[in-house]
Amino acid sequence: MLFLVVALLLLGVVLGTVAHAPLSFSVAAGTVIAVWLAVFALRERHRRRRATSAR
């Protein structure tokens, strides 16, 4: 439950910050985060496939 409270608090802080930032900065930051998450997901998928095929 404490985790949810902290997550909602951080979400509120981030959304408040984005509301005051210029649109171009928000879009650029969102794009960087999306690319970072996509690279992370691909690395994890590759690691899991390699780990299961080695067994």
N, C-alpha and C. Protein backbone atom coordinates (compact mmCIF):
# COMPACT_ATOMS: atom_id res chain seq x y z
N MET A 1 0.82 -1.19 0.00
CA MET A 1 0.00 0.00 0.00
C MET A 1 0.87 1.26 0.00
N LEU A 2 1.94 1.21 0.76
CA LEU A 2 2.84 2.36 0.80
C LEU A 2 3.46 2.61 -0.58
N PHE A 3 3.74 1.52 -1.30
CA PHE A 3 4.29 1.65 -2.65
C PHE A 3 3.34 2.41 -3.55
N LEU A 4 2.04 2.13 -3.46
CA LEU A 4 1.06 2.82 -4.29
C LEU A 4 0.99 4.31 -3.95
N VAL A 5 1.07 4.63 -2.68
CA VAL A 5 1.03 6.03 -2.26
C VAL A 5 2.24 6.78 -2.81
N VAL A 6 3.40 6.18 -2.70
CA VAL A 6 4.63 6.81 -3.21
C VAL A 6 4.56 6.94 -4.73
N ALA A 7 4.07 5.91 -5.41
CA ALA A 7 3.96 5.97 -6.86
C ALA A 7 3.01 7.08 -7.30
N LEU A 8 1.89 7.21 -6.64
CA LEU A 8 0.95 8.28 -6.99
C LEU A 8 1.53 9.65 -6.69
N LEU A 9 2.26 9.77 -5.62
CA LEU A 9 2.91 11.04 -5.29
C LEU A 9 3.92 11.42 -6.36
N LEU A 10 4.75 10.47 -6.76
CA LEU A 10 5.73 10.75 -7.80
C LEU A 10 5.06 11.07 -9.13
N LEU A 11 3.98 10.38 -9.44
CA LEU A 11 3.25 10.65 -10.68
C LEU A 11 2.72 12.08 -10.67
N GLY A 12 2.19 12.51 -9.54
CA GLY A 12 1.71 13.89 -9.44
C GLY A 12 2.81 14.90 -9.62
N VAL A 13 3.97 14.64 -9.05
CA VAL A 13 5.10 15.56 -9.21
C VAL A 13 5.55 15.62 -10.66
N VAL A 14 5.64 14.46 -11.31
CA VAL A 14 6.09 14.42 -12.71
C VAL A 14 5.08 15.11 -13.61
N LEU A 15 3.80 14.84 -13.42
CA LEU A 15 2.79 15.48 -14.26
C LEU A 15 2.75 16.98 -14.03
N GLY A 16 2.97 17.41 -12.82
CA GLY A 16 3.03 18.84 -12.54
C GLY A 16 4.21 19.50 -13.22
N THR A 17 5.33 18.80 -13.26
CA THR A 17 6.52 19.33 -13.93
C THR A 17 6.30 19.41 -15.43
N VAL A 18 5.69 18.38 -16.00
CA VAL A 18 5.44 18.37 -17.44
C VAL A 18 4.46 19.47 -17.83
N ALA A 19 3.52 19.78 -16.97
CA ALA A 19 2.54 20.82 -17.29
C ALA A 19 3.21 22.19 -17.42
N HIS A 20 4.33 22.41 -16.74
CA HIS A 20 5.00 23.69 -16.79
C HIS A 20 6.15 23.72 -17.79
N ALA A 21 6.51 22.59 -18.33
CA ALA A 21 7.61 22.53 -19.30
C ALA A 21 7.06 22.84 -20.70
N PRO A 22 7.90 23.34 -21.58
CA PRO A 22 7.48 23.57 -22.96
C PRO A 22 7.10 22.25 -23.64
N LEU A 23 6.20 22.31 -24.60
CA LEU A 23 5.73 21.11 -25.28
C LEU A 23 6.87 20.37 -25.99
N SER A 24 7.76 21.10 -26.62
CA SER A 24 8.86 20.45 -27.35
C SER A 24 9.76 19.66 -26.39
N PHE A 25 10.00 20.21 -25.20
CA PHE A 25 10.81 19.48 -24.21
C PHE A 25 10.10 18.23 -23.74
N SER A 26 8.80 18.33 -23.50
CA SER A 26 8.02 17.17 -23.04
C SER A 26 8.02 16.06 -24.09
N VAL A 27 7.85 16.44 -25.35
CA VAL A 27 7.85 15.44 -26.43
C VAL A 27 9.23 14.80 -26.55
N ALA A 28 10.27 15.60 -26.48
CA ALA A 28 11.64 15.06 -26.59
C ALA A 28 11.94 14.12 -25.43
N ALA A 29 11.58 14.51 -24.22
CA ALA A 29 11.81 13.66 -23.05
C ALA A 29 11.00 12.37 -23.15
N GLY A 30 9.77 12.47 -23.61
CA GLY A 30 8.94 11.28 -23.79
C GLY A 30 9.51 10.33 -24.82
N THR A 31 10.06 10.89 -25.88
CA THR A 31 10.67 10.06 -26.93
C THR A 31 11.91 9.35 -26.40
N VAL A 32 12.73 10.06 -25.66
CA VAL A 32 13.94 9.45 -25.07
C VAL A 32 13.55 8.31 -24.13
N ILE A 33 12.55 8.53 -23.30
CA ILE A 33 12.11 7.49 -22.36
C ILE A 33 11.55 6.30 -23.11
N ALA A 34 10.76 6.53 -24.16
CA ALA A 34 10.18 5.44 -24.94
C ALA A 34 11.26 4.60 -25.61
N VAL A 35 12.27 5.26 -26.17
CA VAL A 35 13.38 4.53 -26.81
C VAL A 35 14.14 3.72 -25.77
N TRP A 36 14.39 4.32 -24.62
CA TRP A 36 15.10 3.61 -23.55
C TRP A 36 14.33 2.37 -23.11
N LEU A 37 13.01 2.49 -22.95
CA LEU A 37 12.20 1.34 -22.56
C LEU A 37 12.17 0.27 -23.65
N ALA A 38 12.12 0.68 -24.90
CA ALA A 38 12.12 -0.29 -26.00
C ALA A 38 13.45 -1.06 -26.04
N VAL A 39 14.56 -0.36 -25.87
CA VAL A 39 15.88 -1.03 -25.86
C VAL A 39 15.96 -1.99 -24.68
N PHE A 40 15.47 -1.57 -23.52
CA PHE A 40 15.48 -2.44 -22.35
C PHE A 40 14.64 -3.69 -22.59
N ALA A 41 13.46 -3.52 -23.17
CA ALA A 41 12.58 -4.67 -23.44
C ALA A 41 13.22 -5.64 -24.43
N LEU A 42 13.85 -5.11 -25.46
CA LEU A 42 14.50 -5.98 -26.44
C LEU A 42 15.67 -6.74 -25.82
N ARG A 43 16.45 -6.07 -24.97
CA ARG A 43 17.57 -6.74 -24.31
C ARG A 43 17.08 -7.84 -23.39
N GLU A 44 16.01 -7.57 -22.64
CA GLU A 44 15.46 -8.59 -21.75
C GLU A 44 14.91 -9.78 -22.53
N ARG A 45 14.22 -9.52 -23.63
CA ARG A 45 13.68 -10.60 -24.45
C ARG A 45 14.80 -11.46 -25.01
N HIS A 46 15.85 -10.79 -25.49
CA HIS A 46 17.00 -11.52 -26.04
C HIS A 46 17.68 -12.35 -24.96
N ARG A 47 17.82 -11.81 -23.77
CA ARG A 47 18.47 -12.52 -22.67
C ARG A 47 17.65 -13.75 -22.26
N ARG A 48 16.34 -13.59 -22.20
CA ARG A 48 15.49 -14.72 -21.79
C ARG A 48 15.47 -15.82 -22.85
N ARG A 49 15.45 -15.44 -24.12
CA ARG A 49 15.47 -16.45 -25.18
C ARG A 49 16.78 -17.22 -25.16
N ARG A 50 17.89 -16.51 -24.93
CA ARG A 50 19.19 -17.16 -24.90
C ARG A 50 19.32 -18.07 -23.68
N ALA A 51 18.74 -17.65 -22.55
CA ALA A 51 18.82 -18.44 -21.32
C ALA A 51 17.99 -19.71 -21.44
N THR A 52 16.82 -19.64 -22.07
CA THR A 52 15.97 -20.83 -22.20
C THR A 52 16.52 -21.78 -23.25
N SER A 53 17.17 -21.27 -24.30
CA SER A 53 17.71 -22.16 -25.33
C SER A 53 18.97 -22.86 -24.85
N ALA A 54 19.64 -22.32 -23.85
CA ALA A 54 20.86 -22.93 -23.33
C ALA A 54 20.55 -24.13 -22.43
N ARG A 55 19.34 -24.22 -21.93
CA ARG A 55 18.99 -25.33 -21.04
C ARG A 55 18.68 -26.57 -21.74
